[in-house]
C-alpha cells in the first residue's frame, strides 16, 4: 500500500467514527433542547426507509420498578414544565406521585400521591408551598383525583395519544437510536430512545404547528 493510501486509511479511521459521534450528539441535542424535533423527523421520513421489524410496544411497556417523568408544553422557541410524575414499585406497595406546577384539568397546583396507609389505598394532597402538610382521602372517595394521578403514568399518556390503535413507523438511526412516529386525532406523535430505553415523547398539535406537549424520562431504575 502506498504512503498516500496509508494516510487516507489512517485519516478515515479517525474521521468516520468522529462523524458518527457528531451526528449522534447533534440528533440527541436537537431532541433534548426541545427545539426542532419535527424537522428532524421530517428529514428522517424523507431520507430513511422505515424498519418493518421494529415494534413500538418495546417502548410503551415499561418494566422498570422506578422512573420519573417531566412534562412540558411549548413550541420550537420555548417550553414550560408543568408537571412531574414519579412511579416507585420498590418496597411493599407501589407509589405514584404527581406534582402539578400549575392548575390542570380542574385540579389545583400541588403534590398528589397514591399510597397505602393502614393497609388501604389513599390519595394525599399538599400545596406546592408545604409538601409535608397533607390532606388524606380514601381512594374510592376521590376517584377523579385518583384517575388524574394515574393518567400521568408513561403508558397511560401514550395510550391517550393513540399508541395502542394507530399504525406507527419505526426507524433505526446509527444502529442504536430508535425513532417511532404516528398520527392521532390531528396530532403528530414522536417517540425516541436509545437502545431499550425510551427518552422523549413529543405530540404536536395539528399539521405544520410548532405547538407541542413533551414528556421526557429523567431517570429509570
N, C-alpha and C. Protein backbone atom coordinates (compact mmCIF):
# COMPACT_ATOMS: atom_id res chain seq x y z
N UNK A 1 0.84 -1.19 0.00
CA UNK A 1 0.00 0.00 0.00
C UNK A 1 0.89 1.25 0.00
N UNK A 2 0.54 2.19 -0.87
CA UNK A 2 1.33 3.40 -0.97
C UNK A 2 1.16 4.25 0.28
N UNK A 3 2.12 5.19 0.48
CA UNK A 3 2.05 6.07 1.65
C UNK A 3 0.80 6.93 1.60
N UNK A 4 0.38 7.35 0.39
CA UNK A 4 -0.80 8.20 0.27
C UNK A 4 -2.05 7.44 0.71
N UNK A 5 -2.15 6.16 0.27
CA UNK A 5 -3.30 5.36 0.65
C UNK A 5 -3.30 5.05 2.15
N UNK A 6 -2.10 4.83 2.69
CA UNK A 6 -2.00 4.61 4.13
C UNK A 6 -2.48 5.83 4.90
N UNK A 7 -2.12 7.01 4.41
CA UNK A 7 -2.55 8.24 5.09
C UNK A 7 -4.06 8.40 5.02
N UNK A 8 -4.65 8.12 3.84
CA UNK A 8 -6.10 8.20 3.70
C UNK A 8 -6.79 7.22 4.62
N UNK A 9 -6.22 6.01 4.72
CA UNK A 9 -6.79 4.98 5.59
C UNK A 9 -6.74 5.41 7.05
N UNK A 10 -5.58 5.96 7.46
CA UNK A 10 -5.45 6.41 8.86
C UNK A 10 -6.42 7.54 9.16
N UNK A 11 -6.54 8.48 8.22
CA UNK A 11 -7.48 9.59 8.42
C UNK A 11 -8.91 9.09 8.48
N UNK A 12 -9.23 8.08 7.65
CA UNK A 12 -10.58 7.52 7.65
C UNK A 12 -10.93 6.87 8.97
N UNK A 13 -9.94 6.22 9.59
CA UNK A 13 -10.18 5.59 10.88
C UNK A 13 -10.57 6.61 11.94
N UNK A 14 -10.11 7.83 11.78
CA UNK A 14 -10.45 8.89 12.73
C UNK A 14 -11.72 9.62 12.31
N UNK A 15 -11.84 9.96 11.03
CA UNK A 15 -12.93 10.81 10.56
C UNK A 15 -14.28 10.11 10.66
N UNK A 16 -14.36 8.84 10.24
CA UNK A 16 -15.65 8.15 10.22
C UNK A 16 -16.26 8.03 11.61
N UNK A 17 -15.51 7.51 12.62
CA UNK A 17 -16.10 7.47 13.97
C UNK A 17 -16.42 8.86 14.50
N UNK A 18 -15.59 9.84 14.17
CA UNK A 18 -15.84 11.20 14.63
C UNK A 18 -17.16 11.73 14.06
N UNK A 19 -17.40 11.48 12.77
CA UNK A 19 -18.63 11.97 12.14
C UNK A 19 -19.85 11.26 12.72
N UNK A 20 -19.71 9.97 13.03
CA UNK A 20 -20.82 9.24 13.63
C UNK A 20 -21.16 9.82 14.99
N UNK A 21 -20.12 10.10 15.79
CA UNK A 21 -20.33 10.67 17.12
C UNK A 21 -20.97 12.05 17.01
N UNK A 22 -20.46 12.88 16.11
CA UNK A 22 -21.01 14.23 15.93
C UNK A 22 -22.47 14.17 15.52
N UNK A 23 -22.80 13.27 14.59
CA UNK A 23 -24.17 13.13 14.14
C UNK A 23 -25.08 12.69 15.28
N UNK A 24 -24.61 11.70 16.06
CA UNK A 24 -25.41 11.21 17.18
C UNK A 24 -25.65 12.31 18.21
N UNK A 25 -24.61 13.02 18.57
CA UNK A 25 -24.74 14.10 19.54
C UNK A 25 -25.67 15.19 19.03
N UNK A 26 -25.56 15.52 17.75
CA UNK A 26 -26.42 16.54 17.16
C UNK A 26 -27.89 16.14 17.23
N UNK A 27 -28.18 14.88 16.88
CA UNK A 27 -29.56 14.41 16.94
C UNK A 27 -30.08 14.44 18.37
N UNK A 28 -29.27 13.96 19.30
CA UNK A 28 -29.70 13.91 20.69
C UNK A 28 -29.95 15.31 21.24
N UNK A 29 -29.05 16.23 20.96
CA UNK A 29 -29.20 17.59 21.47
C UNK A 29 -30.42 18.28 20.88
N UNK A 30 -30.71 18.01 19.61
CA UNK A 30 -31.87 18.63 18.99
C UNK A 30 -33.15 18.20 19.68
N UNK A 31 -33.19 16.94 20.11
CA UNK A 31 -34.36 16.46 20.82
C UNK A 31 -34.40 16.96 22.25
N UNK A 32 -33.26 16.90 22.93
CA UNK A 32 -33.24 17.23 24.35
C UNK A 32 -33.60 18.68 24.61
N UNK A 33 -33.19 19.60 23.76
CA UNK A 33 -33.49 21.00 23.99
C UNK A 33 -34.90 21.35 23.54
N UNK A 34 -35.61 20.41 22.90
CA UNK A 34 -36.99 20.64 22.52
C UNK A 34 -37.15 21.71 21.48
N UNK A 35 -36.22 21.84 20.53
CA UNK A 35 -36.29 22.90 19.53
C UNK A 35 -36.93 22.44 18.23
N UNK A 36 -36.31 21.53 17.51
CA UNK A 36 -36.80 21.19 16.18
C UNK A 36 -36.93 19.68 15.96
N UNK A 37 -37.55 18.95 16.85
CA UNK A 37 -37.71 17.51 16.62
C UNK A 37 -38.56 17.20 15.40
N UNK A 38 -39.58 18.04 15.13
CA UNK A 38 -40.43 17.79 13.97
C UNK A 38 -39.63 17.90 12.68
N UNK A 39 -38.69 18.85 12.63
CA UNK A 39 -37.84 18.99 11.45
C UNK A 39 -36.96 17.77 11.26
N UNK A 40 -36.42 17.26 12.36
CA UNK A 40 -35.58 16.06 12.28
C UNK A 40 -36.38 14.89 11.76
N UNK A 41 -37.59 14.71 12.29
CA UNK A 41 -38.44 13.61 11.85
C UNK A 41 -38.81 13.76 10.38
N UNK A 42 -39.09 14.99 9.95
CA UNK A 42 -39.39 15.21 8.54
C UNK A 42 -38.23 14.79 7.65
N UNK A 43 -37.01 15.10 8.08
CA UNK A 43 -35.83 14.70 7.32
C UNK A 43 -35.67 13.19 7.30
N UNK A 44 -35.93 12.56 8.45
CA UNK A 44 -35.83 11.10 8.54
C UNK A 44 -36.85 10.45 7.61
N UNK A 45 -38.09 10.96 7.62
CA UNK A 45 -39.13 10.39 6.76
C UNK A 45 -38.77 10.49 5.28
N UNK A 46 -38.09 11.57 4.92
CA UNK A 46 -37.74 11.78 3.51
C UNK A 46 -36.53 10.95 3.08
N UNK A 47 -35.64 10.66 4.00
CA UNK A 47 -34.36 10.08 3.59
C UNK A 47 -34.08 8.67 4.09
N UNK A 48 -34.88 8.18 5.04
CA UNK A 48 -34.62 6.86 5.60
C UNK A 48 -35.88 6.01 5.50
N UNK A 49 -35.73 4.78 5.10
CA UNK A 49 -36.85 3.86 4.99
C UNK A 49 -37.17 3.29 6.37
N UNK A 50 -38.45 3.22 6.70
CA UNK A 50 -38.85 2.69 7.99
C UNK A 50 -38.52 1.21 8.09
N UNK A 51 -38.30 0.75 9.32
CA UNK A 51 -37.93 -0.63 9.59
C UNK A 51 -39.18 -1.40 10.01
N UNK A 52 -39.65 -2.30 9.16
CA UNK A 52 -40.88 -3.02 9.42
C UNK A 52 -40.77 -3.97 10.62
N UNK A 53 -39.55 -4.31 11.00
CA UNK A 53 -39.36 -5.25 12.11
C UNK A 53 -39.46 -4.58 13.48
N UNK A 54 -39.46 -3.26 13.52
CA UNK A 54 -39.50 -2.56 14.80
C UNK A 54 -40.91 -2.54 15.37
N UNK A 55 -41.02 -2.75 16.67
CA UNK A 55 -42.31 -2.80 17.36
C UNK A 55 -42.33 -1.74 18.46
N UNK A 56 -43.25 -0.79 18.37
CA UNK A 56 -43.31 0.30 19.33
C UNK A 56 -43.63 -0.18 20.74
N UNK A 57 -44.18 -1.40 20.86
CA UNK A 57 -44.51 -1.93 22.19
C UNK A 57 -43.28 -2.04 23.07
N UNK A 58 -42.10 -2.15 22.47
CA UNK A 58 -40.88 -2.24 23.26
C UNK A 58 -40.61 -0.96 24.04
N UNK A 59 -41.23 0.15 23.61
CA UNK A 59 -41.06 1.43 24.31
C UNK A 59 -42.29 1.84 25.12
N UNK A 60 -43.41 1.20 24.87
CA UNK A 60 -44.62 1.59 25.61
C UNK A 60 -44.80 0.76 26.88
N UNK A 61 -44.30 -0.45 26.88
CA UNK A 61 -44.43 -1.31 28.06
C UNK A 61 -43.15 -1.19 28.90
N UNK A 62 -43.18 -0.34 29.91
CA UNK A 62 -42.01 -0.09 30.73
C UNK A 62 -42.01 -1.01 31.95
N UNK A 63 -41.02 -1.88 31.99
CA UNK A 63 -40.92 -2.82 33.10
C UNK A 63 -39.84 -2.38 34.09
N UNK A 64 -39.86 -1.11 34.42
CA UNK A 64 -38.90 -0.57 35.37
C UNK A 64 -39.59 -0.38 36.72
N UNK A 65 -38.96 -0.76 37.82
CA UNK A 65 -39.60 -0.59 39.12
C UNK A 65 -39.66 0.87 39.57
N UNK A 66 -38.87 1.72 38.93
CA UNK A 66 -38.89 3.13 39.32
C UNK A 66 -38.52 4.00 38.13
N UNK A 67 -39.32 5.05 37.91
CA UNK A 67 -38.98 6.01 36.86
C UNK A 67 -39.60 7.37 37.18
N UNK A 68 -39.06 8.40 36.56
CA UNK A 68 -39.54 9.76 36.75
C UNK A 68 -39.75 10.40 35.38
N UNK A 69 -40.85 11.15 35.26
CA UNK A 69 -41.18 11.84 34.01
C UNK A 69 -41.31 13.33 34.26
N UNK A 70 -40.86 14.13 33.29
CA UNK A 70 -41.10 15.57 33.29
C UNK A 70 -42.04 15.89 32.13
N UNK A 71 -43.01 16.78 32.40
CA UNK A 71 -44.00 17.19 31.40
C UNK A 71 -43.80 18.66 31.03
N UNK A 72 -43.85 18.92 29.73
CA UNK A 72 -43.69 20.29 29.22
C UNK A 72 -44.76 20.57 28.17
N UNK A 73 -45.06 21.85 27.98
CA UNK A 73 -45.77 22.29 26.78
C UNK A 73 -45.01 23.47 26.23
N UNK A 74 -45.12 23.70 24.94
CA UNK A 74 -44.40 24.81 24.34
C UNK A 74 -44.42 24.75 22.83
N UNK A 75 -43.43 25.40 22.24
CA UNK A 75 -43.26 25.37 20.80
C UNK A 75 -41.77 25.31 20.51
N UNK A 76 -41.39 25.56 19.27
CA UNK A 76 -39.99 25.40 18.90
C UNK A 76 -39.08 26.50 19.45
N UNK A 77 -39.65 27.51 20.11
CA UNK A 77 -38.82 28.59 20.65
C UNK A 77 -38.70 28.54 22.17
N UNK A 78 -39.66 27.92 22.86
CA UNK A 78 -39.58 27.86 24.31
C UNK A 78 -40.51 26.77 24.82
N UNK A 79 -40.31 26.37 26.08
CA UNK A 79 -41.18 25.37 26.69
C UNK A 79 -41.31 25.65 28.18
N UNK A 80 -42.38 25.12 28.78
CA UNK A 80 -42.68 25.33 30.19
C UNK A 80 -42.93 23.97 30.83
N UNK A 81 -42.26 23.69 31.94
CA UNK A 81 -42.52 22.46 32.67
C UNK A 81 -43.76 22.64 33.53
N UNK A 82 -44.77 21.78 33.35
CA UNK A 82 -46.00 21.95 34.10
C UNK A 82 -46.28 20.80 35.07
N UNK A 83 -45.54 19.69 34.96
CA UNK A 83 -45.82 18.58 35.86
C UNK A 83 -44.62 17.65 35.96
N UNK A 84 -44.60 16.89 37.04
CA UNK A 84 -43.59 15.85 37.24
C UNK A 84 -44.29 14.63 37.84
N UNK A 85 -44.01 13.47 37.30
CA UNK A 85 -44.63 12.23 37.76
C UNK A 85 -43.56 11.22 38.13
N UNK A 86 -43.74 10.56 39.27
CA UNK A 86 -42.79 9.52 39.68
C UNK A 86 -43.55 8.25 40.04
N UNK A 87 -43.05 7.14 39.53
CA UNK A 87 -43.59 5.83 39.88
C UNK A 87 -42.50 5.05 40.58
N UNK A 88 -42.85 4.44 41.72
CA UNK A 88 -41.87 3.68 42.50
C UNK A 88 -42.53 2.41 43.01
N UNK A 89 -42.15 1.28 42.41
CA UNK A 89 -42.70 -0.01 42.81
C UNK A 89 -41.79 -0.74 43.78
N UNK A 90 -40.68 -0.10 44.17
CA UNK A 90 -39.78 -0.73 45.14
C UNK A 90 -40.42 -0.69 46.52
N UNK A 91 -40.24 -1.73 47.27
CA UNK A 91 -40.85 -1.80 48.59
C UNK A 91 -42.10 -2.66 48.56
N UNK A 92 -42.90 -2.57 49.62
CA UNK A 92 -44.06 -3.43 49.76
C UNK A 92 -45.22 -3.03 48.85
N UNK A 93 -45.39 -1.72 48.61
CA UNK A 93 -46.51 -1.24 47.81
C UNK A 93 -46.04 -0.16 46.84
N UNK A 94 -46.62 -0.15 45.62
CA UNK A 94 -46.22 0.88 44.65
C UNK A 94 -46.69 2.27 45.08
N UNK A 95 -45.92 3.26 44.68
CA UNK A 95 -46.24 4.65 44.98
C UNK A 95 -46.25 5.44 43.68
N UNK A 96 -47.35 6.16 43.45
CA UNK A 96 -47.43 7.06 42.30
C UNK A 96 -47.57 8.48 42.84
N UNK A 97 -46.71 9.37 42.39
CA UNK A 97 -46.79 10.76 42.87
C UNK A 97 -46.76 11.71 41.69
N UNK A 98 -47.57 12.75 41.78
CA UNK A 98 -47.70 13.76 40.72
C UNK A 98 -47.57 15.14 41.33
N UNK A 99 -46.71 15.96 40.75
CA UNK A 99 -46.60 17.36 41.14
C UNK A 99 -47.07 18.21 39.97
N UNK A 100 -48.11 19.00 40.19
CA UNK A 100 -48.58 19.95 39.20
C UNK A 100 -48.04 21.33 39.57
N UNK A 101 -47.31 21.93 38.66
CA UNK A 101 -46.75 23.26 38.92
C UNK A 101 -47.70 24.38 38.54
N UNK A 102 -48.83 24.01 37.96
CA UNK A 102 -49.90 24.96 37.65
C UNK A 102 -51.21 24.18 37.65
N UNK A 103 -52.33 24.88 37.75
CA UNK A 103 -53.63 24.21 37.74
C UNK A 103 -53.84 23.52 36.39
N UNK A 104 -54.31 22.26 36.44
CA UNK A 104 -54.53 21.49 35.21
C UNK A 104 -55.78 20.63 35.37
N UNK A 105 -56.61 20.62 34.34
CA UNK A 105 -57.77 19.72 34.28
C UNK A 105 -58.66 19.82 35.51
N UNK A 106 -58.83 21.02 36.02
CA UNK A 106 -59.71 21.23 37.17
C UNK A 106 -59.08 20.99 38.52
N UNK A 107 -57.78 20.68 38.55
CA UNK A 107 -57.08 20.44 39.81
C UNK A 107 -56.04 21.53 40.07
N UNK A 108 -55.94 21.93 41.34
CA UNK A 108 -55.01 22.98 41.71
C UNK A 108 -53.57 22.50 41.61
N UNK A 109 -52.66 23.43 41.49
CA UNK A 109 -51.24 23.09 41.59
C UNK A 109 -50.97 22.49 42.96
N UNK A 110 -50.05 21.53 43.01
CA UNK A 110 -49.73 20.90 44.28
C UNK A 110 -49.14 19.52 44.11
N UNK A 111 -48.99 18.83 45.23
CA UNK A 111 -48.41 17.49 45.26
C UNK A 111 -49.53 16.47 45.50
N UNK A 112 -49.63 15.50 44.63
CA UNK A 112 -50.65 14.46 44.72
C UNK A 112 -49.95 13.10 44.79
N UNK A 113 -50.46 12.21 45.64
CA UNK A 113 -49.86 10.88 45.76
C UNK A 113 -50.93 9.82 45.92
N UNK A 114 -50.64 8.65 45.38
CA UNK A 114 -51.42 7.45 45.65
C UNK A 114 -50.51 6.53 46.45
N UNK A 115 -50.90 6.24 47.68
CA UNK A 115 -50.06 5.42 48.54
C UNK A 115 -50.93 4.58 49.48
N UNK A 116 -50.30 3.63 50.12
CA UNK A 116 -51.00 2.73 51.03
C UNK A 116 -50.77 3.19 52.47
N UNK A 117 -51.88 3.39 53.19
CA UNK A 117 -51.82 3.76 54.60
C UNK A 117 -52.75 2.82 55.36
N UNK A 118 -52.22 2.13 56.37
CA UNK A 118 -53.03 1.23 57.19
C UNK A 118 -53.74 0.19 56.33
N UNK A 119 -52.99 -0.39 55.39
CA UNK A 119 -53.49 -1.47 54.51
C UNK A 119 -54.63 -1.02 53.61
N UNK A 120 -54.73 0.27 53.36
CA UNK A 120 -55.78 0.80 52.48
C UNK A 120 -55.15 1.84 51.54
N UNK A 121 -55.65 1.88 50.30
CA UNK A 121 -55.11 2.81 49.32
C UNK A 121 -55.70 4.21 49.55
N UNK A 122 -54.80 5.18 49.65
CA UNK A 122 -55.21 6.56 49.90
C UNK A 122 -54.65 7.49 48.83
N UNK A 123 -55.33 8.62 48.67
CA UNK A 123 -54.83 9.72 47.86
C UNK A 123 -54.52 10.88 48.81
N UNK A 124 -53.34 11.43 48.68
CA UNK A 124 -52.97 12.57 49.53
C UNK A 124 -52.70 13.79 48.66
N UNK A 125 -52.97 14.96 49.23
CA UNK A 125 -52.74 16.22 48.53
C UNK A 125 -52.04 17.20 49.46
N UNK A 126 -51.10 17.95 48.90
CA UNK A 126 -50.44 19.04 49.63
C UNK A 126 -50.18 20.17 48.66
N UNK A 127 -50.16 21.39 49.18
CA UNK A 127 -49.89 22.54 48.34
C UNK A 127 -48.42 22.54 47.91
N UNK A 128 -48.11 23.34 46.90
CA UNK A 128 -46.72 23.44 46.47
C UNK A 128 -45.84 24.02 47.56
N UNK A 129 -46.40 24.91 48.38
CA UNK A 129 -45.60 25.60 49.39
C UNK A 129 -45.28 24.73 50.60
N UNK A 130 -46.13 23.73 50.87
CA UNK A 130 -45.94 22.91 52.07
C UNK A 130 -46.26 21.46 51.76
N UNK A 131 -45.27 20.72 51.33
CA UNK A 131 -45.47 19.33 50.93
C UNK A 131 -45.75 18.43 52.13
N UNK A 132 -45.34 18.83 53.31
CA UNK A 132 -45.49 17.98 54.49
C UNK A 132 -46.87 18.07 55.13
N UNK A 133 -47.62 19.11 54.86
CA UNK A 133 -48.97 19.27 55.42
C UNK A 133 -49.98 18.72 54.42
N UNK A 134 -50.40 17.48 54.61
CA UNK A 134 -51.19 16.78 53.60
C UNK A 134 -52.64 16.60 54.04
N UNK A 135 -53.49 16.44 53.03
CA UNK A 135 -54.88 16.03 53.22
C UNK A 135 -55.01 14.61 52.67
N UNK A 136 -55.57 13.68 53.44
CA UNK A 136 -55.65 12.27 53.05
C UNK A 136 -57.10 11.87 52.81
N UNK A 137 -57.30 11.13 51.70
CA UNK A 137 -58.64 10.66 51.35
C UNK A 137 -58.56 9.19 50.94
N UNK A 138 -59.49 8.36 51.39
CA UNK A 138 -59.57 7.01 50.83
C UNK A 138 -59.75 7.10 49.32
N UNK A 139 -59.07 6.25 48.57
CA UNK A 139 -59.05 6.36 47.11
C UNK A 139 -60.45 6.30 46.51
N UNK A 140 -61.34 5.46 47.07
CA UNK A 140 -62.67 5.32 46.48
C UNK A 140 -63.53 6.56 46.67
N UNK A 141 -63.13 7.47 47.59
CA UNK A 141 -63.90 8.69 47.81
C UNK A 141 -63.51 9.81 46.86
N UNK A 142 -62.35 9.70 46.21
CA UNK A 142 -61.89 10.76 45.30
C UNK A 142 -61.45 10.13 43.97
N UNK A 143 -62.36 9.52 43.23
CA UNK A 143 -61.97 8.82 42.00
C UNK A 143 -61.38 9.74 40.94
N UNK A 144 -61.85 10.98 40.87
CA UNK A 144 -61.32 11.89 39.86
C UNK A 144 -59.86 12.25 40.17
N UNK A 145 -59.57 12.50 41.44
CA UNK A 145 -58.20 12.80 41.83
C UNK A 145 -57.29 11.59 41.62
N UNK A 146 -57.82 10.43 41.95
CA UNK A 146 -57.07 9.18 41.75
C UNK A 146 -56.74 8.99 40.27
N UNK A 147 -57.73 9.20 39.42
CA UNK A 147 -57.54 8.97 37.98
C UNK A 147 -56.60 9.99 37.35
N UNK A 148 -56.62 11.23 37.83
CA UNK A 148 -55.73 12.23 37.23
C UNK A 148 -54.28 11.89 37.53
N UNK A 149 -54.01 11.34 38.72
CA UNK A 149 -52.64 10.92 39.03
C UNK A 149 -52.23 9.77 38.12
N UNK A 150 -53.08 8.77 37.99
CA UNK A 150 -52.78 7.61 37.16
C UNK A 150 -52.57 8.00 35.70
N UNK A 151 -53.29 9.01 35.25
CA UNK A 151 -53.23 9.39 33.83
C UNK A 151 -51.86 9.90 33.41
N UNK A 152 -51.03 10.31 34.38
CA UNK A 152 -49.71 10.83 34.05
C UNK A 152 -48.64 9.75 33.99
N UNK A 153 -49.01 8.50 34.19
CA UNK A 153 -48.03 7.44 34.02
C UNK A 153 -47.63 7.35 32.56
N UNK A 154 -46.48 6.72 32.31
CA UNK A 154 -45.96 6.64 30.94
C UNK A 154 -46.93 5.94 30.00
N UNK A 155 -47.39 4.78 30.35
CA UNK A 155 -48.26 4.01 29.47
C UNK A 155 -49.58 4.71 29.23
N UNK A 156 -50.18 5.29 30.27
CA UNK A 156 -51.46 5.97 30.10
C UNK A 156 -51.34 7.19 29.21
N UNK A 157 -50.23 7.91 29.30
CA UNK A 157 -50.04 9.06 28.43
C UNK A 157 -49.98 8.64 26.97
N UNK A 158 -49.20 7.61 26.67
CA UNK A 158 -49.09 7.16 25.29
C UNK A 158 -50.42 6.62 24.77
N UNK A 159 -51.14 5.91 25.61
CA UNK A 159 -52.44 5.39 25.20
C UNK A 159 -53.41 6.52 24.87
N UNK A 160 -53.33 7.62 25.61
CA UNK A 160 -54.24 8.75 25.36
C UNK A 160 -53.96 9.40 24.01
N UNK A 161 -52.79 9.14 23.44
CA UNK A 161 -52.46 9.68 22.12
C UNK A 161 -52.47 8.58 21.04
N UNK A 162 -53.21 7.52 21.30
CA UNK A 162 -53.49 6.54 20.27
C UNK A 162 -52.40 5.54 19.96
N UNK A 163 -51.44 5.37 20.83
CA UNK A 163 -50.33 4.46 20.52
C UNK A 163 -50.80 3.01 20.41
N UNK A 164 -51.92 2.66 21.05
CA UNK A 164 -52.38 1.29 21.05
C UNK A 164 -53.08 0.90 19.75
N UNK A 165 -53.69 1.88 19.05
CA UNK A 165 -54.50 1.51 17.89
C UNK A 165 -54.13 2.23 16.60
N UNK A 166 -53.25 3.22 16.64
CA UNK A 166 -52.83 3.90 15.42
C UNK A 166 -51.55 3.25 14.88
N UNK A 167 -51.44 3.07 13.56
CA UNK A 167 -50.22 2.48 13.00
C UNK A 167 -49.02 3.40 13.17
N UNK A 168 -47.88 2.84 13.49
CA UNK A 168 -46.67 3.63 13.69
C UNK A 168 -45.58 3.18 12.73
N UNK A 169 -44.63 4.08 12.51
CA UNK A 169 -43.45 3.77 11.72
C UNK A 169 -42.22 3.82 12.62
N UNK A 170 -41.33 2.86 12.46
CA UNK A 170 -40.13 2.80 13.26
C UNK A 170 -38.88 2.99 12.43
N UNK A 171 -37.90 3.71 12.97
CA UNK A 171 -36.64 3.97 12.28
C UNK A 171 -35.49 3.68 13.23
N UNK A 172 -34.44 3.13 12.70
CA UNK A 172 -33.21 2.89 13.47
C UNK A 172 -32.13 3.82 12.93
N UNK A 173 -31.60 4.69 13.79
CA UNK A 173 -30.60 5.67 13.40
C UNK A 173 -29.27 5.33 14.05
N UNK A 174 -28.23 5.24 13.24
CA UNK A 174 -26.87 4.99 13.72
C UNK A 174 -26.75 3.67 14.47
N UNK A 175 -27.74 2.81 14.31
CA UNK A 175 -27.66 1.49 14.91
C UNK A 175 -28.14 1.40 16.35
N UNK A 176 -28.31 2.55 17.04
CA UNK A 176 -28.70 2.48 18.45
C UNK A 176 -29.78 3.49 18.84
N UNK A 177 -30.10 4.45 17.98
CA UNK A 177 -31.17 5.40 18.26
C UNK A 177 -32.45 4.91 17.58
N UNK A 178 -33.51 4.70 18.35
CA UNK A 178 -34.79 4.25 17.82
C UNK A 178 -35.77 5.41 17.78
N UNK A 179 -36.52 5.51 16.69
CA UNK A 179 -37.47 6.60 16.50
C UNK A 179 -38.78 6.02 15.98
N UNK A 180 -39.90 6.43 16.60
CA UNK A 180 -41.23 6.00 16.17
C UNK A 180 -42.09 7.24 15.92
N UNK A 181 -42.93 7.17 14.89
CA UNK A 181 -43.86 8.25 14.61
C UNK A 181 -45.24 7.67 14.32
N UNK A 182 -46.28 8.40 14.72
CA UNK A 182 -47.66 8.03 14.37
C UNK A 182 -48.54 9.27 14.50
N UNK A 183 -49.70 9.22 13.83
CA UNK A 183 -50.67 10.31 13.86
C UNK A 183 -51.91 9.87 14.64
N UNK A 184 -52.52 10.83 15.34
CA UNK A 184 -53.75 10.53 16.07
C UNK A 184 -54.54 11.81 16.29
N UNK A 185 -55.79 11.83 15.82
CA UNK A 185 -56.72 12.93 16.07
C UNK A 185 -56.06 14.29 15.86
N UNK A 186 -55.59 14.54 14.66
CA UNK A 186 -54.97 15.81 14.27
C UNK A 186 -53.70 16.12 15.04
N UNK A 187 -53.02 15.09 15.54
CA UNK A 187 -51.75 15.28 16.22
C UNK A 187 -50.68 14.44 15.56
N UNK A 188 -49.45 14.94 15.58
CA UNK A 188 -48.28 14.20 15.11
C UNK A 188 -47.47 13.80 16.33
N UNK A 189 -47.24 12.51 16.49
CA UNK A 189 -46.59 11.99 17.68
C UNK A 189 -45.22 11.42 17.35
N UNK A 190 -44.26 11.69 18.23
CA UNK A 190 -42.87 11.27 18.03
C UNK A 190 -42.36 10.65 19.33
N UNK A 191 -41.79 9.48 19.23
CA UNK A 191 -41.22 8.81 20.40
C UNK A 191 -39.84 8.29 20.03
N UNK A 192 -38.84 8.65 20.82
CA UNK A 192 -37.49 8.18 20.50
C UNK A 192 -36.75 7.77 21.76
N UNK A 193 -35.72 6.96 21.57
CA UNK A 193 -34.93 6.49 22.70
C UNK A 193 -33.62 5.89 22.23
N UNK A 194 -32.88 5.38 23.17
CA UNK A 194 -31.58 4.76 22.88
C UNK A 194 -31.60 3.34 23.42
N UNK A 195 -31.26 2.40 22.57
CA UNK A 195 -31.29 1.00 22.98
C UNK A 195 -32.69 0.60 23.38
N UNK A 196 -32.85 0.00 24.55
CA UNK A 196 -34.16 -0.41 25.02
C UNK A 196 -34.84 0.61 25.91
N UNK A 197 -34.30 1.82 25.99
CA UNK A 197 -34.82 2.83 26.91
C UNK A 197 -35.44 4.01 26.17
N UNK A 198 -36.75 4.25 26.34
CA UNK A 198 -37.35 5.46 25.77
C UNK A 198 -36.84 6.69 26.49
N UNK A 199 -36.73 7.80 25.76
CA UNK A 199 -36.20 9.03 26.36
C UNK A 199 -37.17 10.20 26.29
N UNK A 200 -37.74 10.45 25.10
CA UNK A 200 -38.57 11.63 24.92
C UNK A 200 -39.77 11.31 24.03
N UNK A 201 -40.93 11.84 24.42
CA UNK A 201 -42.14 11.75 23.61
C UNK A 201 -42.63 13.15 23.30
N UNK A 202 -42.89 13.43 22.02
CA UNK A 202 -43.47 14.70 21.59
C UNK A 202 -44.81 14.44 20.94
N UNK A 203 -45.78 15.32 21.19
CA UNK A 203 -47.05 15.29 20.48
C UNK A 203 -47.35 16.70 19.98
N UNK A 204 -47.28 16.87 18.66
CA UNK A 204 -47.50 18.18 18.04
C UNK A 204 -48.98 18.37 17.73
N UNK A 205 -49.47 19.58 17.94
CA UNK A 205 -50.86 19.91 17.70
C UNK A 205 -51.06 20.34 16.25
N UNK A 206 -51.67 19.48 15.44
CA UNK A 206 -52.03 19.83 14.07
C UNK A 206 -50.86 19.79 13.11
N UNK A 207 -51.20 19.70 11.84
CA UNK A 207 -50.19 19.66 10.78
C UNK A 207 -49.54 21.02 10.60
N UNK A 208 -48.22 21.05 10.66
CA UNK A 208 -47.49 22.31 10.46
C UNK A 208 -47.38 23.17 11.70
N UNK A 209 -48.02 22.77 12.81
CA UNK A 209 -47.96 23.56 14.04
C UNK A 209 -46.66 23.29 14.77
N UNK A 210 -46.16 24.32 15.47
CA UNK A 210 -44.96 24.15 16.29
C UNK A 210 -45.31 23.93 17.76
N UNK A 211 -46.60 23.94 18.09
CA UNK A 211 -47.03 23.75 19.48
C UNK A 211 -47.00 22.27 19.83
N UNK A 212 -46.41 21.93 20.97
CA UNK A 212 -46.30 20.53 21.33
C UNK A 212 -46.47 20.30 22.83
N UNK A 213 -46.71 19.03 23.14
CA UNK A 213 -46.61 18.54 24.50
C UNK A 213 -45.42 17.60 24.52
N UNK A 214 -44.62 17.67 25.56
CA UNK A 214 -43.39 16.88 25.64
C UNK A 214 -43.34 16.14 26.97
N UNK A 215 -42.97 14.87 26.92
CA UNK A 215 -42.77 14.07 28.11
C UNK A 215 -41.38 13.46 28.03
N UNK A 216 -40.56 13.67 29.03
CA UNK A 216 -39.20 13.14 28.99
C UNK A 216 -38.90 12.32 30.24
N UNK A 217 -38.20 11.21 30.03
CA UNK A 217 -37.67 10.44 31.15
C UNK A 217 -36.46 11.17 31.69
N UNK A 218 -36.42 11.35 33.01
CA UNK A 218 -35.23 11.92 33.61
C UNK A 218 -34.33 10.82 34.16
N UNK A 219 -34.95 9.71 34.54
CA UNK A 219 -34.15 8.58 35.05
C UNK A 219 -35.06 7.37 35.13
N UNK A 220 -34.48 6.20 35.15
CA UNK A 220 -35.19 4.95 35.38
C UNK A 220 -34.27 4.00 36.11
N UNK A 221 -34.86 3.11 36.88
CA UNK A 221 -34.06 2.17 37.66
C UNK A 221 -34.71 0.78 37.60
